[in-house]
C-alpha cells in the first residue's frame, strides 16, 4: 500500500481540561502563544479527495466527518454500530463501514483507496482489555503504510519515520459549547487550555491540507474561551500556558494536582496543591526577605549571597529551585507571577475543601487568602467566598445562642455573602459570564428581604438564554419545597460530600437493620464513590454501575461519549467496591438476580443525567425501593433541561409505582437533591 497523509488527534494532555483561559480582546495580539501559531494553518498543501476517518460516529470524529463533507471530500468512516452506519450513510459523500478499529484487517480493507486518514480514537480499553489508543491507532497508522505508533511512542515516529507525511494534534480540554473559530494550533506542545469540539474538528481538517503542519506534533487550544465556560478557570490569560513550562518542584506539584483532581483523586490532589502552595509561599517569603536585606544593607551570610555577571554580590533566594516563574513583573512583562499561581492553588484547595471534604469554613479561609494574595483577583475567589460563607453559617451558631441571636448572626453572615457576590460580579464580565453569581446574589437578597433588588436580577435572568432562565425556574421549585424550613438553617450551598453525608445518614436504618444495598449509577472517574467509601465503614459493599464510555446519547450541549474514561474503571484503594460495566438495562437485572430478594435499596447516588438512563435505574429497582430508601440525584436542577431529565424520570416513576417522598436537601451550587421515600 502506498503511504498516505495521516493526521492523528491524540488524547489531550491529562491536565489540559482543568484550565480554561481568559483573553481580553486588547491583549490577544500580544500573546506569545498566538504569535507562535499564526503560520500553522496558512499555505495550503495537497487537496485530498477520499479521507478515511476512525472514530467518526461521535464527538470530535463526528464533527470531522461533517466538515470534510462540507469541503467536498469523500469520506470513509469506520464505525461500530448499525445505527451509526445508518446515520452517516445518509450524508452525501460518506461511506460508512461497520467494523472495529481494533481489527487490523478491517481497518486495512476500509482504508483501501483513500489518500488520507484521520483517527480520533481515544484512550481506554476494550472488552478484552486492549488499549484503544494503542491497538486501534496502531492499526490505522500501520495501514497507512508505517509501523504502529501511538502518542506513547511519538518520539519513535519523529526520529525514525521522517519520510512520512503525518501530523499529531493534541487537543486541550474539550468543551461542548458552539465553536468560536478562534482556536489555534501551536508547536508549543506543553501549551494547555480548553477548546470546543467543533474547533478541534476544524483545525484537524485544515491541518490535513496544510504544508506547515506536516511532520509536526501540535497543541490545539482556544485562547478566547473565558471563565464563563469554567468558573474555576484561571483569571489570567497567560497563566495556564506559562505554568505548563515551569520546571520547579512547586510547579510540578501544581501540575500533578490538576491531573489528580481530573482523575477524581481529591485527597491526592489536595496534597499536591498543598505542597505547591507551601513551596510557593516559601519562595515568596524569602524573596521579600532578600529584597529587604539588599536594600537596607543588612549583613548577609554566605548562603544569602550570589555573584552577578558584573562581579557584584546580590542576595539569592534559597528557594529559587521550587519554581521557574517570576516573583514579580517589574520587567513589564505580562507573564503570571508566583503569587498568581499561588492564589490559584488556594482556589483549588478551597474548592476541594468545600466540595470534596465538606469543610466550608476551611474553604472560606482559602478563598479569602486567594483573593488577598492574587495580584489581579478574580471573581472566582469572591464567588467562592460567598458560597462558603452561606454554607458555613450554622457553624457560627453557638450552643447557647437564642433564636434572636442566631437571627442576628445569620443576617450578618448573609450580608457578607452578598458583599462577596457583588465583588465577584464587579470583577466579572457581564450577564453571560456572571449568570450563576447573579443568581446566587438574587437568592441571597431575597432571603434577606431585599425583594425589589432581587427581583430586578431575577427578571434579567428570566429574559436570558435557557442556561440562565432555568436558574430562576429551579429556585421557584426549591423555594416552594423549603418554605417550612427555618431560614436560619436552610443551607442551599452544600458541596457534594455534604449532600452524600446527609443521604447516607438518613439511610442508616436500612443499612444497619435490613442489609440495604449501596449503589452508584454513573461512576465515571470514581470521585463520588470514593467519598461514599470514606463515609461508610470499610466493610460496606458498594456497587458502581457505568459503561465507562460516556453518555450513550447526546445530552444538551454534551455529545454522546462525554465523560468517558475510555472504558477504564477507577482503581480503588479498598476492595469493597464492585463495578458493573455496561448499560444499566443490561447490568442491573443481572446484578439483582444474584441478590437476595429481601434486600432493599438503602442508598443510591444517581448521576445519570439522562431521562432514559434514570428511568432504567428506577424501573429496575422498583421492587427494592421502599420506605426509608434515600436517593441522591446529581443533576436534578439548575440546568436548561432539568425538568426533562432526572427530575422527570423520578416524578413519573413515583406516580407509576405509588411512591411518596420528602426532600432532605437541595444544593444550588452542585445541582443535587436528596430525597427519602416515605411510603
Foldseek 3Di string as FASTA:
>chain_A
DAAAEEEEAAEADLLFQLAAFADDPVCVVVDPQVVQFPCQLPAFADDWAEEEEEPCQWFLNVLLLVVCVVVVHAYEYEAADPVSQVVQVVDPRYHYDHDDLLDLVVLLVSCPPGRYYYYHFYFAADPVRHTCQQRSQQSNNVSSPDGGDGPVRVVCCLPPVPVHWYAYEHEGNEDQDDFDLQKTKHLLSLAHHYGYSNNVSVVSVSNSGHPSRTSGYIYIHHLNGRCLRPVLHAPHSQARRVLSPKDAQLSVLQSVLSSCVSLLNLVSSLVSLVVSLVLLVLQLVQVVVQVVCQVPVDDDDPQQWDADPVGDIGGDRPSCRRIPAAQDVPVVDRYDHSLSSSLSSLLSNLQSCFAQVVNLVSSLVSLVVSQVRHPQHALSSLQSNLLSLLQCQVVPDDPPDDPVVLVVSLLVSLVSSLVSLVVNVVRDDDCSSSLLSLLVNLVSCVLNVVPVVSVVSLVVQCPDDLLRVQSSVQVVVVCVQCVPPDSSPARQAGHNLVQVLLLVVLLVVLVPPQVAAAEEEDQQSNNVVVSVCVNDPVQNAYEYEEQLQAACQAAVSRGGRPSHPRRDHHDDPGDRYDYFHDQLLPRLVVVVVVPPLSHAHREYEYANFAAVSLLSVCVSRVSRQDQSRKYKYQQCGSGSCNCHGNVVSVVVVCVVSVWDKGWDHHHSNRNMTMIGTHD
